[in-house]
């Protein structure tokens, strides 16, 4: 089978999106004076993600940035995550984290849930490789920690 094209499968498309985010990560910088920040590290493989975000006066994430190192899956997942959460409220972020974690644990998503997750749905294929699930979840766990810290520190 040839990559892409008529003979290519959906896996080729997914791989292209992952590689694009890995090679050219979005929001690949740390923000100055962030409202939310956290660092995640997977000691088993060495993947690392540092996440920063700013809140606007409406309670939405107005800016998101990350730096990291590690495998293509961990870094692409972080890049894709930052694109999807920009403009979200903390409640929306918590919902997305729950949906993403559920998807990685094998939960079937409805069509509307898949549409809501946008390009993140391409990471669903990672669940076929259980050892790589932690790679895809690293940025999301880091985001969850950042949101929890923010909520606890600001009595939200």
N, C-alpha and C. Protein backbone atom coordinates (compact mmCIF):
# COMPACT_ATOMS: atom_id res chain seq x y z
N UNK A 1 0.84 -1.17 0.00
CA UNK A 1 0.00 0.00 0.00
C UNK A 1 0.89 1.25 0.00
N UNK A 2 0.56 2.24 -0.79
CA UNK A 2 1.31 3.48 -0.88
C UNK A 2 0.82 4.45 0.20
N UNK A 3 1.75 5.24 0.79
CA UNK A 3 1.29 6.24 1.76
C UNK A 3 0.40 7.27 1.09
N UNK A 4 -0.72 7.62 1.75
CA UNK A 4 -1.61 8.64 1.23
C UNK A 4 -2.25 8.20 -0.07
N UNK A 5 -2.83 9.15 -0.78
CA UNK A 5 -3.38 8.87 -2.10
C UNK A 5 -4.52 7.88 -2.06
N UNK A 6 -4.84 7.33 -3.22
CA UNK A 6 -5.99 6.44 -3.35
C UNK A 6 -5.78 5.15 -2.55
N UNK A 7 -4.55 4.62 -2.58
CA UNK A 7 -4.29 3.36 -1.89
C UNK A 7 -4.04 3.55 -0.39
N UNK A 8 -3.80 4.77 0.06
CA UNK A 8 -3.47 5.03 1.46
C UNK A 8 -4.68 4.90 2.35
N UNK A 9 -4.45 4.53 3.59
CA UNK A 9 -5.53 4.38 4.54
C UNK A 9 -5.64 5.59 5.44
N UNK A 10 -6.63 5.57 6.30
CA UNK A 10 -6.85 6.66 7.25
C UNK A 10 -5.66 6.80 8.20
N UNK A 11 -4.95 5.68 8.45
CA UNK A 11 -3.78 5.73 9.31
C UNK A 11 -2.71 6.65 8.74
N UNK A 12 -2.60 6.70 7.42
CA UNK A 12 -1.63 7.59 6.79
C UNK A 12 -1.98 9.05 7.09
N UNK A 13 -3.26 9.38 6.98
CA UNK A 13 -3.71 10.73 7.28
C UNK A 13 -3.40 11.06 8.73
N UNK A 14 -3.73 10.16 9.65
CA UNK A 14 -3.48 10.40 11.06
C UNK A 14 -1.99 10.61 11.31
N UNK A 15 -1.19 9.77 10.70
CA UNK A 15 0.25 9.89 10.88
C UNK A 15 0.75 11.23 10.35
N UNK A 16 0.20 11.68 9.24
CA UNK A 16 0.60 12.98 8.68
C UNK A 16 0.29 14.12 9.65
N UNK A 17 -0.91 14.09 10.25
CA UNK A 17 -1.30 15.14 11.20
C UNK A 17 -0.40 15.11 12.42
N UNK A 18 -0.12 13.92 12.96
CA UNK A 18 0.77 13.80 14.12
C UNK A 18 2.17 14.33 13.79
N UNK A 19 2.71 13.91 12.66
CA UNK A 19 4.05 14.36 12.28
C UNK A 19 4.10 15.85 12.04
N UNK A 20 3.05 16.40 11.47
CA UNK A 20 2.99 17.85 11.25
C UNK A 20 3.08 18.60 12.57
N UNK A 21 2.32 18.16 13.57
CA UNK A 21 2.34 18.82 14.89
C UNK A 21 3.68 18.58 15.60
N UNK A 22 4.29 17.45 15.37
CA UNK A 22 5.59 17.17 16.00
C UNK A 22 6.68 18.04 15.38
N UNK A 23 6.69 18.12 14.06
CA UNK A 23 7.73 18.88 13.36
C UNK A 23 7.53 20.39 13.47
N UNK A 24 6.29 20.82 13.51
CA UNK A 24 5.96 22.25 13.59
C UNK A 24 4.92 22.46 14.70
N UNK A 25 5.35 22.33 15.95
CA UNK A 25 4.39 22.43 17.05
C UNK A 25 3.77 23.82 17.14
N UNK A 26 2.50 23.85 17.46
CA UNK A 26 1.78 25.10 17.66
C UNK A 26 1.99 25.56 19.10
N UNK A 27 2.00 26.86 19.29
CA UNK A 27 2.09 27.45 20.64
C UNK A 27 3.31 26.96 21.40
N UNK A 28 4.41 26.79 20.70
CA UNK A 28 5.63 26.22 21.26
C UNK A 28 6.48 27.32 21.90
N UNK A 29 6.01 27.80 23.04
CA UNK A 29 6.71 28.81 23.81
C UNK A 29 6.07 28.87 25.19
N UNK A 30 6.82 29.33 26.16
CA UNK A 30 6.25 29.54 27.48
C UNK A 30 5.79 30.99 27.56
N UNK A 31 4.65 31.22 28.18
CA UNK A 31 4.10 32.56 28.33
C UNK A 31 4.68 33.24 29.56
N UNK A 32 4.91 34.52 29.46
CA UNK A 32 5.38 35.30 30.61
C UNK A 32 4.22 35.54 31.57
N UNK A 33 4.47 35.47 32.86
CA UNK A 33 3.47 35.70 33.90
C UNK A 33 2.18 34.93 33.66
N UNK A 34 2.27 33.61 33.54
CA UNK A 34 1.05 32.82 33.28
C UNK A 34 0.15 32.74 34.52
N UNK A 35 -1.13 32.58 34.26
CA UNK A 35 -2.09 32.33 35.33
C UNK A 35 -2.12 30.86 35.71
N UNK A 36 -1.86 30.00 34.74
CA UNK A 36 -1.81 28.56 34.96
C UNK A 36 -0.46 28.05 34.48
N UNK A 37 0.12 27.15 35.23
CA UNK A 37 1.35 26.51 34.78
C UNK A 37 1.52 25.18 35.50
N UNK A 38 2.18 24.28 34.81
CA UNK A 38 2.47 22.98 35.39
C UNK A 38 3.50 22.30 34.52
N UNK A 39 4.19 21.34 35.14
CA UNK A 39 5.17 20.55 34.41
C UNK A 39 4.86 19.08 34.59
N UNK A 40 4.90 18.35 33.48
CA UNK A 40 4.67 16.91 33.52
C UNK A 40 5.89 16.17 33.03
N UNK A 41 6.15 15.04 33.64
CA UNK A 41 7.32 14.25 33.29
C UNK A 41 6.97 12.78 33.39
N UNK A 42 7.36 12.01 32.38
CA UNK A 42 7.19 10.56 32.40
C UNK A 42 8.56 9.94 32.62
N UNK A 43 8.85 9.46 33.83
CA UNK A 43 10.18 8.93 34.12
C UNK A 43 10.53 7.66 33.36
N UNK A 44 9.52 6.96 32.84
CA UNK A 44 9.79 5.72 32.13
C UNK A 44 10.42 5.95 30.76
N UNK A 45 10.02 7.05 30.10
CA UNK A 45 10.55 7.29 28.76
C UNK A 45 11.28 8.62 28.63
N UNK A 46 11.14 9.49 29.62
CA UNK A 46 11.83 10.78 29.58
C UNK A 46 11.03 11.90 28.94
N UNK A 47 9.80 11.65 28.51
CA UNK A 47 8.97 12.72 27.93
C UNK A 47 8.71 13.78 28.99
N UNK A 48 8.74 15.03 28.54
CA UNK A 48 8.51 16.16 29.45
C UNK A 48 7.67 17.21 28.73
N UNK A 49 6.74 17.84 29.48
CA UNK A 49 5.93 18.93 28.97
C UNK A 49 5.81 19.99 30.06
N UNK A 50 6.09 21.23 29.70
CA UNK A 50 5.84 22.37 30.58
C UNK A 50 4.75 23.19 29.90
N UNK A 51 3.67 23.46 30.62
CA UNK A 51 2.51 24.14 30.08
C UNK A 51 2.29 25.45 30.81
N UNK A 52 1.99 26.52 30.05
CA UNK A 52 1.61 27.80 30.64
C UNK A 52 0.37 28.31 29.92
N UNK A 53 -0.45 29.08 30.64
CA UNK A 53 -1.66 29.63 30.04
C UNK A 53 -2.06 30.90 30.78
N UNK A 54 -2.75 31.76 30.06
CA UNK A 54 -3.28 33.00 30.63
C UNK A 54 -4.80 32.99 30.51
N UNK A 55 -5.43 33.57 31.52
CA UNK A 55 -6.89 33.71 31.54
C UNK A 55 -7.23 35.16 31.18
N UNK A 56 -8.34 35.35 30.47
CA UNK A 56 -8.80 36.71 30.21
C UNK A 56 -9.90 37.07 31.21
N UNK A 57 -10.42 38.28 31.08
CA UNK A 57 -11.43 38.76 32.04
C UNK A 57 -12.75 38.00 31.93
N UNK A 58 -12.96 37.27 30.85
CA UNK A 58 -14.17 36.46 30.67
C UNK A 58 -14.02 35.04 31.22
N UNK A 59 -12.84 34.73 31.76
CA UNK A 59 -12.61 33.39 32.30
C UNK A 59 -12.24 32.36 31.25
N UNK A 60 -11.73 32.83 30.12
CA UNK A 60 -11.31 31.92 29.05
C UNK A 60 -9.79 31.92 28.93
N UNK A 61 -9.25 30.82 28.43
CA UNK A 61 -7.82 30.77 28.18
C UNK A 61 -7.52 31.63 26.95
N UNK A 62 -6.87 32.75 27.17
CA UNK A 62 -6.58 33.67 26.07
C UNK A 62 -5.26 33.36 25.40
N UNK A 63 -4.40 32.68 26.10
CA UNK A 63 -3.12 32.28 25.55
C UNK A 63 -2.66 30.99 26.17
N UNK A 64 -2.03 30.16 25.37
CA UNK A 64 -1.53 28.87 25.85
C UNK A 64 -0.19 28.63 25.20
N UNK A 65 0.75 28.10 25.97
CA UNK A 65 2.04 27.76 25.41
C UNK A 65 2.62 26.54 26.09
N UNK A 66 3.51 25.88 25.40
CA UNK A 66 4.17 24.72 26.00
C UNK A 66 5.58 24.59 25.43
N UNK A 67 6.41 23.96 26.20
CA UNK A 67 7.71 23.49 25.74
C UNK A 67 7.83 22.06 26.22
N UNK A 68 8.58 21.28 25.49
CA UNK A 68 8.74 19.90 25.90
C UNK A 68 9.77 19.19 25.08
N UNK A 69 9.98 17.97 25.48
CA UNK A 69 10.87 17.10 24.73
C UNK A 69 10.34 15.68 24.90
N UNK A 70 10.59 14.89 23.89
CA UNK A 70 10.13 13.51 23.97
C UNK A 70 9.69 13.00 22.62
N UNK A 71 8.92 11.94 22.66
CA UNK A 71 8.50 11.27 21.43
C UNK A 71 7.50 12.11 20.65
N UNK A 72 7.30 11.72 19.41
CA UNK A 72 6.38 12.44 18.53
C UNK A 72 4.96 12.46 19.09
N UNK A 73 4.53 11.38 19.70
CA UNK A 73 3.16 11.34 20.22
C UNK A 73 2.98 12.33 21.36
N UNK A 74 3.90 12.37 22.31
CA UNK A 74 3.74 13.28 23.45
C UNK A 74 3.78 14.74 23.00
N UNK A 75 4.66 15.06 22.10
CA UNK A 75 4.80 16.45 21.68
C UNK A 75 3.68 16.87 20.72
N UNK A 76 3.25 15.99 19.85
CA UNK A 76 2.13 16.29 18.96
C UNK A 76 0.85 16.44 19.76
N UNK A 77 0.65 15.60 20.75
CA UNK A 77 -0.53 15.69 21.60
C UNK A 77 -0.56 17.04 22.32
N UNK A 78 0.58 17.49 22.82
CA UNK A 78 0.66 18.79 23.49
C UNK A 78 0.33 19.92 22.52
N UNK A 79 0.88 19.86 21.33
CA UNK A 79 0.63 20.89 20.33
C UNK A 79 -0.85 20.93 19.96
N UNK A 80 -1.42 19.79 19.71
CA UNK A 80 -2.83 19.71 19.33
C UNK A 80 -3.73 20.18 20.47
N UNK A 81 -3.37 19.82 21.69
CA UNK A 81 -4.15 20.22 22.86
C UNK A 81 -4.19 21.73 22.98
N UNK A 82 -3.03 22.40 22.81
CA UNK A 82 -3.00 23.85 22.97
C UNK A 82 -3.89 24.55 21.95
N UNK A 83 -4.00 23.98 20.76
CA UNK A 83 -4.85 24.56 19.74
C UNK A 83 -6.32 24.46 20.14
N UNK A 84 -6.72 23.33 20.69
CA UNK A 84 -8.12 23.08 21.00
C UNK A 84 -8.58 23.85 22.25
N UNK A 85 -7.72 24.02 23.23
CA UNK A 85 -8.17 24.64 24.49
C UNK A 85 -8.14 26.16 24.47
N UNK A 86 -7.47 26.75 23.51
CA UNK A 86 -7.42 28.21 23.44
C UNK A 86 -8.84 28.75 23.28
N UNK A 87 -9.22 29.68 24.16
CA UNK A 87 -10.55 30.25 24.12
C UNK A 87 -11.56 29.52 24.98
N UNK A 88 -11.16 28.41 25.58
CA UNK A 88 -12.07 27.62 26.43
C UNK A 88 -12.09 28.16 27.86
N UNK A 89 -13.21 27.95 28.53
CA UNK A 89 -13.30 28.22 29.97
C UNK A 89 -12.68 27.03 30.71
N UNK A 90 -12.48 27.20 32.01
CA UNK A 90 -11.93 26.08 32.79
C UNK A 90 -12.88 24.89 32.80
N UNK A 91 -14.18 25.14 32.81
CA UNK A 91 -15.15 24.03 32.77
C UNK A 91 -15.05 23.28 31.44
N UNK A 92 -14.91 24.02 30.36
CA UNK A 92 -14.76 23.38 29.05
C UNK A 92 -13.46 22.58 28.98
N UNK A 93 -12.40 23.13 29.57
CA UNK A 93 -11.11 22.43 29.59
C UNK A 93 -11.25 21.12 30.37
N UNK A 94 -11.88 21.19 31.54
CA UNK A 94 -12.06 19.97 32.34
C UNK A 94 -12.86 18.93 31.57
N UNK A 95 -13.87 19.37 30.85
CA UNK A 95 -14.68 18.46 30.03
C UNK A 95 -13.83 17.82 28.93
N UNK A 96 -13.02 18.62 28.26
CA UNK A 96 -12.14 18.08 27.21
C UNK A 96 -11.15 17.08 27.77
N UNK A 97 -10.57 17.39 28.92
CA UNK A 97 -9.63 16.46 29.55
C UNK A 97 -10.32 15.13 29.83
N UNK A 98 -11.52 15.19 30.39
CA UNK A 98 -12.27 13.96 30.68
C UNK A 98 -12.57 13.18 29.41
N UNK A 99 -12.98 13.89 28.35
CA UNK A 99 -13.28 13.23 27.09
C UNK A 99 -12.04 12.57 26.50
N UNK A 100 -10.93 13.31 26.52
CA UNK A 100 -9.70 12.77 25.93
C UNK A 100 -9.22 11.55 26.70
N UNK A 101 -9.22 11.65 28.02
CA UNK A 101 -8.80 10.51 28.84
C UNK A 101 -9.72 9.31 28.62
N UNK A 102 -11.01 9.57 28.52
CA UNK A 102 -11.96 8.49 28.25
C UNK A 102 -11.68 7.82 26.92
N UNK A 103 -11.40 8.64 25.91
CA UNK A 103 -11.09 8.10 24.58
C UNK A 103 -9.85 7.22 24.64
N UNK A 104 -8.84 7.65 25.38
CA UNK A 104 -7.61 6.88 25.49
C UNK A 104 -7.82 5.58 26.26
N UNK A 105 -8.85 5.56 27.11
CA UNK A 105 -9.15 4.35 27.89
C UNK A 105 -10.18 3.47 27.20
N UNK A 106 -10.52 3.80 25.94
CA UNK A 106 -11.39 2.93 25.16
C UNK A 106 -12.85 3.33 25.10
N UNK A 107 -13.22 4.45 25.70
CA UNK A 107 -14.61 4.89 25.63
C UNK A 107 -14.95 5.28 24.20
N UNK A 108 -16.10 4.79 23.72
CA UNK A 108 -16.58 5.17 22.39
C UNK A 108 -17.18 6.57 22.47
N UNK A 109 -16.77 7.43 21.56
CA UNK A 109 -17.27 8.79 21.54
C UNK A 109 -18.41 8.92 20.54
N UNK A 110 -19.38 9.77 20.88
CA UNK A 110 -20.46 10.06 19.94
C UNK A 110 -19.91 10.94 18.82
N UNK A 111 -20.68 11.10 17.77
CA UNK A 111 -20.26 11.94 16.65
C UNK A 111 -20.06 13.38 17.10
N UNK A 112 -20.93 13.88 17.99
CA UNK A 112 -20.80 15.26 18.46
C UNK A 112 -19.55 15.41 19.34
N UNK A 113 -19.24 14.39 20.14
CA UNK A 113 -18.01 14.44 20.95
C UNK A 113 -16.78 14.44 20.05
N UNK A 114 -16.81 13.62 19.00
CA UNK A 114 -15.69 13.59 18.06
C UNK A 114 -15.52 14.94 17.37
N UNK A 115 -16.62 15.57 16.98
CA UNK A 115 -16.55 16.87 16.32
C UNK A 115 -15.98 17.92 17.28
N UNK A 116 -16.38 17.85 18.55
CA UNK A 116 -15.92 18.80 19.56
C UNK A 116 -14.41 18.69 19.77
N UNK A 117 -13.88 17.49 19.64
CA UNK A 117 -12.46 17.27 19.89
C UNK A 117 -11.59 17.62 18.68
N UNK A 118 -12.20 17.91 17.55
CA UNK A 118 -11.48 18.34 16.35
C UNK A 118 -10.38 17.35 15.99
N UNK A 119 -9.18 17.84 15.69
CA UNK A 119 -8.07 16.99 15.24
C UNK A 119 -7.59 16.00 16.30
N UNK A 120 -7.94 16.24 17.55
CA UNK A 120 -7.48 15.34 18.62
C UNK A 120 -7.93 13.90 18.40
N UNK A 121 -8.97 13.74 17.63
CA UNK A 121 -9.51 12.41 17.38
C UNK A 121 -8.46 11.51 16.71
N UNK A 122 -7.48 12.10 16.03
CA UNK A 122 -6.46 11.29 15.37
C UNK A 122 -5.63 10.52 16.39
N UNK A 123 -5.60 10.98 17.62
CA UNK A 123 -4.83 10.29 18.66
C UNK A 123 -5.53 9.04 19.17
N UNK A 124 -6.77 8.83 18.75
CA UNK A 124 -7.52 7.66 19.19
C UNK A 124 -6.78 6.37 18.84
N UNK A 125 -6.07 6.36 17.72
CA UNK A 125 -5.34 5.18 17.30
C UNK A 125 -4.24 4.76 18.26
N UNK A 126 -3.80 5.68 19.10
CA UNK A 126 -2.73 5.38 20.06
C UNK A 126 -3.17 4.30 21.04
N UNK A 127 -4.46 4.23 21.32
CA UNK A 127 -4.93 3.25 22.32
C UNK A 127 -4.68 1.81 21.88
N UNK A 128 -4.37 1.61 20.59
CA UNK A 128 -4.01 0.27 20.12
C UNK A 128 -2.64 -0.15 20.63
N UNK A 129 -1.88 0.81 21.15
CA UNK A 129 -0.53 0.57 21.65
C UNK A 129 -0.48 1.02 23.11
N UNK A 130 -0.93 0.18 24.03
CA UNK A 130 -1.08 0.59 25.44
C UNK A 130 0.14 1.28 26.04
N UNK A 131 1.32 0.86 25.64
CA UNK A 131 2.52 1.48 26.22
C UNK A 131 2.68 2.94 25.80
N UNK A 132 2.01 3.35 24.71
CA UNK A 132 2.11 4.73 24.20
C UNK A 132 1.00 5.65 24.72
N UNK A 133 0.02 5.09 25.41
CA UNK A 133 -1.09 5.90 25.91
C UNK A 133 -0.58 6.98 26.86
N UNK A 134 0.37 6.64 27.72
CA UNK A 134 0.92 7.64 28.63
C UNK A 134 1.59 8.78 27.89
N UNK A 135 2.14 8.49 26.72
CA UNK A 135 2.75 9.54 25.90
C UNK A 135 1.68 10.55 25.47
N UNK A 136 0.56 10.05 24.99
CA UNK A 136 -0.52 10.91 24.53
C UNK A 136 -1.17 11.66 25.68
N UNK A 137 -1.19 11.07 26.88
CA UNK A 137 -1.86 11.67 28.03
C UNK A 137 -0.99 12.66 28.81
N UNK A 138 0.30 12.69 28.57
CA UNK A 138 1.19 13.52 29.39
C UNK A 138 0.75 14.99 29.41
N UNK A 139 0.55 15.59 28.28
CA UNK A 139 0.15 17.00 28.22
C UNK A 139 -1.20 17.21 28.90
N UNK A 140 -2.10 16.24 28.74
CA UNK A 140 -3.43 16.36 29.31
C UNK A 140 -3.41 16.26 30.83
N UNK A 141 -2.58 15.39 31.37
CA UNK A 141 -2.43 15.29 32.82
C UNK A 141 -1.79 16.57 33.37
N UNK A 142 -0.85 17.12 32.61
CA UNK A 142 -0.20 18.37 32.99
C UNK A 142 -1.22 19.51 33.00
N UNK A 143 -2.07 19.55 31.99
CA UNK A 143 -3.14 20.55 31.93
C UNK A 143 -4.10 20.38 33.10
N UNK A 144 -4.46 19.15 33.40
CA UNK A 144 -5.37 18.88 34.51
C UNK A 144 -4.76 19.38 35.83
N UNK A 145 -3.47 19.16 36.03
CA UNK A 145 -2.78 19.65 37.23
C UNK A 145 -2.79 21.17 37.29
N UNK A 146 -2.55 21.81 36.15
CA UNK A 146 -2.53 23.28 36.09
C UNK A 146 -3.90 23.85 36.44
N UNK A 147 -4.95 23.26 35.90
CA UNK A 147 -6.31 23.73 36.18
C UNK A 147 -6.63 23.52 37.65
N UNK A 148 -6.31 22.37 38.20
CA UNK A 148 -6.57 22.08 39.62
C UNK A 148 -5.84 23.07 40.52
N UNK A 149 -4.57 23.33 40.21
CA UNK A 149 -3.80 24.30 41.00
C UNK A 149 -4.44 25.68 40.93
N UNK A 150 -4.84 26.08 39.75
CA UNK A 150 -5.46 27.41 39.57
C UNK A 150 -6.75 27.49 40.39
N UNK A 151 -7.59 26.49 40.28
CA UNK A 151 -8.86 26.47 41.00
C UNK A 151 -8.62 26.51 42.52
N UNK A 152 -7.68 25.71 43.00
CA UNK A 152 -7.37 25.68 44.43
C UNK A 152 -6.79 27.00 44.94
N UNK A 153 -5.94 27.63 44.13
CA UNK A 153 -5.27 28.86 44.54
C UNK A 153 -6.16 30.11 44.40
N UNK A 154 -7.20 30.01 43.59
CA UNK A 154 -8.06 31.17 43.35
C UNK A 154 -9.49 30.96 43.86
N UNK A 155 -9.70 29.88 44.61
CA UNK A 155 -11.02 29.58 45.17
C UNK A 155 -12.13 29.69 44.13
N UNK A 156 -11.87 29.12 42.95
CA UNK A 156 -12.85 29.17 41.87
C UNK A 156 -13.86 28.06 42.04
